[in-house]
Amino acid sequence: LVDADGNLNSGVGRLEVLLRETWTPVCRDGFTQGSASVACKSMGFSGAGSGPFGCEGYGKKWCGTSLPEFQLTCDGSEKDISACRGRAGSDVFCSPA
């Protein structure tokens, strides 16, 4: 998790994944409570809070700003984030902040 100032944070922030040796922000489109739960458990937390997920609650600095972004979709039953579905590349279009 990366906080609004770009520092690593231990509970709140922008989720990024390592994609082809580059840290890539996770797109808010398609990111659900199940996605949050699996991501948080993958980082050693007991689960996720109730949101909000995306920019609405925290402002534009929390949203991904670099391309490409990664679209992560989990249903909540996955054991870790690597078992979730994901898409990256020029066909991923994230809503603007």
N, C-alpha and C. Protein backbone atom coordinates (compact mmCIF):
# COMPACT_ATOMS: atom_id res chain seq x y z
N LEU A 1 0.85 -1.18 0.00
CA LEU A 1 0.00 0.00 0.00
C LEU A 1 0.88 1.23 0.00
N VAL A 2 0.54 2.20 -0.82
CA VAL A 2 1.29 3.45 -0.93
C VAL A 2 0.37 4.58 -0.50
N ASP A 3 0.82 5.42 0.45
CA ASP A 3 -0.05 6.49 0.93
C ASP A 3 -0.06 7.67 -0.03
N ALA A 4 -0.81 8.71 0.30
CA ALA A 4 -1.02 9.86 -0.58
C ALA A 4 0.27 10.61 -0.89
N ASP A 5 1.29 10.47 -0.04
CA ASP A 5 2.56 11.14 -0.27
C ASP A 5 3.59 10.24 -0.95
N GLY A 6 3.19 9.03 -1.31
CA GLY A 6 4.09 8.11 -1.98
C GLY A 6 4.91 7.23 -1.06
N ASN A 7 4.59 7.26 0.24
CA ASN A 7 5.31 6.44 1.21
C ASN A 7 4.58 5.11 1.41
N LEU A 8 5.35 4.08 1.76
CA LEU A 8 4.73 2.80 2.09
C LEU A 8 3.93 2.98 3.36
N ASN A 9 2.73 2.41 3.39
CA ASN A 9 1.84 2.60 4.52
C ASN A 9 1.39 1.24 5.01
N SER A 10 1.07 1.15 6.28
CA SER A 10 0.74 -0.15 6.83
C SER A 10 -0.75 -0.38 7.06
N GLY A 11 -1.62 0.30 6.36
CA GLY A 11 -3.03 0.02 6.56
C GLY A 11 -3.97 0.71 5.61
N VAL A 12 -3.57 1.85 5.07
CA VAL A 12 -4.44 2.60 4.18
C VAL A 12 -3.60 3.11 3.02
N GLY A 13 -4.12 3.01 1.82
CA GLY A 13 -3.37 3.56 0.69
C GLY A 13 -3.78 2.96 -0.64
N ARG A 14 -3.00 3.29 -1.64
CA ARG A 14 -3.23 2.80 -3.00
C ARG A 14 -2.56 1.42 -3.13
N LEU A 15 -3.31 0.46 -3.59
CA LEU A 15 -2.79 -0.89 -3.78
C LEU A 15 -2.03 -0.95 -5.10
N GLU A 16 -0.82 -1.50 -5.04
CA GLU A 16 -0.03 -1.71 -6.25
C GLU A 16 0.42 -3.16 -6.29
N VAL A 17 0.60 -3.68 -7.50
CA VAL A 17 1.08 -5.05 -7.70
C VAL A 17 2.36 -4.99 -8.53
N LEU A 18 3.22 -5.98 -8.34
CA LEU A 18 4.44 -6.07 -9.12
C LEU A 18 4.11 -6.78 -10.43
N LEU A 19 4.23 -6.03 -11.51
CA LEU A 19 3.85 -6.53 -12.84
C LEU A 19 5.02 -6.33 -13.77
N ARG A 20 5.61 -7.42 -14.23
CA ARG A 20 6.77 -7.35 -15.12
C ARG A 20 7.86 -6.42 -14.56
N GLU A 21 8.17 -6.65 -13.28
CA GLU A 21 9.24 -5.94 -12.57
C GLU A 21 8.97 -4.45 -12.36
N THR A 22 7.70 -4.03 -12.47
CA THR A 22 7.33 -2.64 -12.24
C THR A 22 6.13 -2.59 -11.31
N TRP A 23 6.19 -1.76 -10.27
CA TRP A 23 5.04 -1.59 -9.39
C TRP A 23 3.96 -0.83 -10.15
N THR A 24 2.78 -1.41 -10.20
CA THR A 24 1.68 -0.91 -11.02
C THR A 24 0.43 -0.71 -10.15
N PRO A 25 -0.21 0.46 -10.22
CA PRO A 25 -1.42 0.69 -9.42
C PRO A 25 -2.58 -0.19 -9.88
N VAL A 26 -3.36 -0.64 -8.91
CA VAL A 26 -4.55 -1.42 -9.21
C VAL A 26 -5.68 -0.46 -9.53
N CYS A 27 -6.37 -0.73 -10.61
CA CYS A 27 -7.49 0.07 -11.07
C CYS A 27 -8.66 -0.05 -10.11
N ARG A 28 -9.37 1.04 -9.89
CA ARG A 28 -10.54 0.97 -9.00
C ARG A 28 -11.72 0.30 -9.68
N ASP A 29 -11.78 0.30 -11.02
CA ASP A 29 -12.87 -0.37 -11.73
C ASP A 29 -12.79 -1.87 -11.49
N GLY A 30 -13.87 -2.45 -11.05
CA GLY A 30 -13.91 -3.89 -10.80
C GLY A 30 -13.37 -4.30 -9.44
N PHE A 31 -12.85 -3.34 -8.68
CA PHE A 31 -12.29 -3.64 -7.36
C PHE A 31 -13.43 -3.67 -6.36
N THR A 32 -13.67 -4.84 -5.80
CA THR A 32 -14.82 -5.06 -4.93
C THR A 32 -14.39 -5.33 -3.50
N GLN A 33 -15.36 -5.52 -2.62
CA GLN A 33 -15.08 -5.90 -1.24
C GLN A 33 -14.29 -7.22 -1.22
N GLY A 34 -14.63 -8.15 -2.12
CA GLY A 34 -13.89 -9.41 -2.20
C GLY A 34 -12.45 -9.19 -2.59
N SER A 35 -12.21 -8.28 -3.54
CA SER A 35 -10.84 -7.95 -3.95
C SER A 35 -10.07 -7.35 -2.78
N ALA A 36 -10.71 -6.45 -2.06
CA ALA A 36 -10.05 -5.81 -0.91
C ALA A 36 -9.71 -6.84 0.17
N SER A 37 -10.64 -7.73 0.44
CA SER A 37 -10.42 -8.75 1.46
C SER A 37 -9.23 -9.64 1.12
N VAL A 38 -9.17 -10.12 -0.11
CA VAL A 38 -8.07 -10.99 -0.53
C VAL A 38 -6.74 -10.23 -0.53
N ALA A 39 -6.74 -9.00 -1.03
CA ALA A 39 -5.52 -8.21 -1.06
C ALA A 39 -5.00 -7.97 0.35
N CYS A 40 -5.88 -7.59 1.26
CA CYS A 40 -5.46 -7.33 2.63
C CYS A 40 -4.94 -8.59 3.31
N LYS A 41 -5.63 -9.71 3.12
CA LYS A 41 -5.16 -10.97 3.70
C LYS A 41 -3.81 -11.36 3.12
N SER A 42 -3.57 -11.07 1.83
CA SER A 42 -2.29 -11.39 1.20
C SER A 42 -1.15 -10.59 1.83
N MET A 43 -1.49 -9.42 2.40
CA MET A 43 -0.47 -8.57 3.04
C MET A 43 -0.37 -8.82 4.54
N GLY A 44 -1.09 -9.84 5.03
CA GLY A 44 -0.97 -10.21 6.43
C GLY A 44 -2.01 -9.60 7.36
N PHE A 45 -2.96 -8.83 6.81
CA PHE A 45 -4.04 -8.29 7.63
C PHE A 45 -5.13 -9.33 7.79
N SER A 46 -6.01 -9.16 8.75
CA SER A 46 -7.08 -10.14 8.98
C SER A 46 -8.19 -10.02 7.95
N GLY A 47 -8.28 -8.91 7.26
CA GLY A 47 -9.31 -8.69 6.25
C GLY A 47 -9.33 -7.22 5.89
N ALA A 48 -10.39 -6.81 5.22
CA ALA A 48 -10.53 -5.42 4.78
C ALA A 48 -11.67 -4.74 5.52
N GLY A 49 -11.55 -3.43 5.64
CA GLY A 49 -12.65 -2.64 6.18
C GLY A 49 -13.78 -2.58 5.17
N SER A 50 -14.73 -1.72 5.42
CA SER A 50 -15.90 -1.64 4.56
C SER A 50 -15.75 -0.62 3.44
N GLY A 51 -14.61 -0.03 3.27
CA GLY A 51 -14.39 0.93 2.19
C GLY A 51 -14.44 2.34 2.73
N PRO A 52 -14.52 3.33 1.91
CA PRO A 52 -14.75 3.26 0.48
C PRO A 52 -13.52 2.79 -0.27
N PHE A 53 -13.75 2.19 -1.43
CA PHE A 53 -12.66 1.74 -2.29
C PHE A 53 -12.62 2.67 -3.48
N GLY A 54 -11.48 3.14 -3.85
CA GLY A 54 -11.35 4.08 -4.96
C GLY A 54 -11.05 5.47 -4.44
N CYS A 55 -11.21 6.43 -5.29
CA CYS A 55 -10.81 7.81 -5.00
C CYS A 55 -11.80 8.56 -4.13
N GLU A 56 -13.04 8.15 -4.13
CA GLU A 56 -14.09 8.94 -3.51
C GLU A 56 -13.77 9.32 -2.08
N GLY A 57 -13.28 8.40 -1.30
CA GLY A 57 -13.06 8.67 0.11
C GLY A 57 -11.75 9.35 0.44
N TYR A 58 -10.80 9.33 -0.46
CA TYR A 58 -9.46 9.77 -0.09
C TYR A 58 -8.88 10.84 -1.01
N GLY A 59 -9.50 11.14 -2.11
CA GLY A 59 -8.97 12.15 -3.02
C GLY A 59 -8.15 11.55 -4.14
N LYS A 60 -7.83 12.37 -5.12
CA LYS A 60 -7.19 11.89 -6.35
C LYS A 60 -5.80 11.32 -6.14
N LYS A 61 -5.08 11.75 -5.10
CA LYS A 61 -3.73 11.23 -4.89
C LYS A 61 -3.72 9.73 -4.61
N TRP A 62 -4.86 9.19 -4.20
CA TRP A 62 -4.91 7.76 -3.89
C TRP A 62 -5.06 6.92 -5.13
N CYS A 63 -5.48 7.51 -6.23
CA CYS A 63 -5.71 6.74 -7.45
C CYS A 63 -4.39 6.54 -8.20
N GLY A 64 -4.37 5.51 -9.02
CA GLY A 64 -3.19 5.27 -9.83
C GLY A 64 -2.95 6.43 -10.79
N THR A 65 -1.70 6.75 -10.98
CA THR A 65 -1.37 7.87 -11.85
C THR A 65 -0.47 7.44 -12.99
N SER A 66 0.04 6.23 -12.93
CA SER A 66 0.92 5.78 -13.99
C SER A 66 0.23 4.68 -14.79
N LEU A 67 0.60 4.58 -16.04
CA LEU A 67 0.03 3.55 -16.90
C LEU A 67 1.10 2.50 -17.18
N PRO A 68 0.79 1.27 -17.42
CA PRO A 68 -0.58 0.76 -17.41
C PRO A 68 -1.05 0.49 -15.99
N GLU A 69 -2.32 0.50 -15.81
CA GLU A 69 -2.90 0.11 -14.54
C GLU A 69 -3.33 -1.35 -14.66
N PHE A 70 -3.54 -1.98 -13.53
CA PHE A 70 -3.86 -3.39 -13.47
C PHE A 70 -5.28 -3.54 -12.93
N GLN A 71 -6.12 -4.26 -13.64
CA GLN A 71 -7.48 -4.49 -13.18
C GLN A 71 -7.51 -5.83 -12.45
N LEU A 72 -7.80 -5.77 -11.16
CA LEU A 72 -7.80 -6.94 -10.29
C LEU A 72 -9.23 -7.28 -9.91
N THR A 73 -9.62 -8.54 -10.07
CA THR A 73 -10.96 -8.96 -9.69
C THR A 73 -10.88 -10.25 -8.88
N CYS A 74 -11.34 -10.17 -7.64
CA CYS A 74 -11.39 -11.33 -6.75
C CYS A 74 -12.82 -11.49 -6.26
N ASP A 75 -13.25 -12.72 -5.98
CA ASP A 75 -14.59 -12.89 -5.42
C ASP A 75 -14.56 -13.01 -3.90
N GLY A 76 -13.36 -13.09 -3.34
CA GLY A 76 -13.20 -13.16 -1.89
C GLY A 76 -12.84 -14.54 -1.38
N SER A 77 -12.99 -15.55 -2.21
CA SER A 77 -12.69 -16.92 -1.78
C SER A 77 -11.25 -17.33 -2.07
N GLU A 78 -10.51 -16.52 -2.81
CA GLU A 78 -9.13 -16.86 -3.19
C GLU A 78 -8.23 -16.86 -1.96
N LYS A 79 -7.24 -17.75 -1.98
CA LYS A 79 -6.32 -17.85 -0.84
C LYS A 79 -5.32 -16.70 -0.81
N ASP A 80 -4.96 -16.18 -1.97
CA ASP A 80 -4.09 -15.01 -2.04
C ASP A 80 -4.32 -14.28 -3.35
N ILE A 81 -3.72 -13.12 -3.46
CA ILE A 81 -3.97 -12.23 -4.59
C ILE A 81 -3.55 -12.84 -5.93
N SER A 82 -2.60 -13.76 -5.91
CA SER A 82 -2.15 -14.37 -7.17
C SER A 82 -3.21 -15.28 -7.78
N ALA A 83 -4.20 -15.67 -7.00
CA ALA A 83 -5.28 -16.53 -7.51
C ALA A 83 -6.43 -15.73 -8.11
N CYS A 84 -6.38 -14.41 -7.99
CA CYS A 84 -7.44 -13.55 -8.53
C CYS A 84 -7.25 -13.36 -10.03
N ARG A 85 -8.33 -12.99 -10.70
CA ARG A 85 -8.24 -12.66 -12.12
C ARG A 85 -7.66 -11.26 -12.24
N GLY A 86 -6.87 -11.04 -13.27
CA GLY A 86 -6.31 -9.72 -13.49
C GLY A 86 -6.04 -9.47 -14.96
N ARG A 87 -6.10 -8.19 -15.32
CA ARG A 87 -5.80 -7.79 -16.70
C ARG A 87 -4.92 -6.57 -16.66
N ALA A 88 -4.02 -6.49 -17.61
CA ALA A 88 -3.15 -5.32 -17.74
C ALA A 88 -2.93 -5.06 -19.22
N GLY A 89 -2.49 -3.87 -19.51
CA GLY A 89 -2.16 -3.55 -20.88
C GLY A 89 -3.07 -2.49 -21.46
N SER A 90 -2.98 -2.31 -22.74
CA SER A 90 -3.69 -1.23 -23.41
C SER A 90 -5.19 -1.43 -23.45
N ASP A 91 -5.68 -2.64 -23.11
CA ASP A 91 -7.13 -2.86 -23.11
C ASP A 91 -7.77 -2.60 -21.75
N VAL A 92 -6.98 -2.16 -20.77
CA VAL A 92 -7.53 -1.83 -19.45
C VAL A 92 -7.73 -0.31 -19.41
N PHE A 93 -8.98 0.07 -19.25
CA PHE A 93 -9.31 1.50 -19.16
C PHE A 93 -9.94 1.74 -17.80
N CYS A 94 -9.28 2.53 -16.99
CA CYS A 94 -9.79 2.83 -15.65
C CYS A 94 -10.53 4.16 -15.68
N SER A 95 -11.58 4.24 -14.88
CA SER A 95 -12.31 5.49 -14.80
C SER A 95 -11.42 6.61 -14.29
N PRO A 96 -11.59 7.81 -14.82
CA PRO A 96 -10.80 8.91 -14.32
C PRO A 96 -11.17 9.26 -12.89
N ALA A 97 -10.24 9.83 -12.18
CA ALA A 97 -10.46 10.20 -10.78
C ALA A 97 -11.48 11.31 -10.68
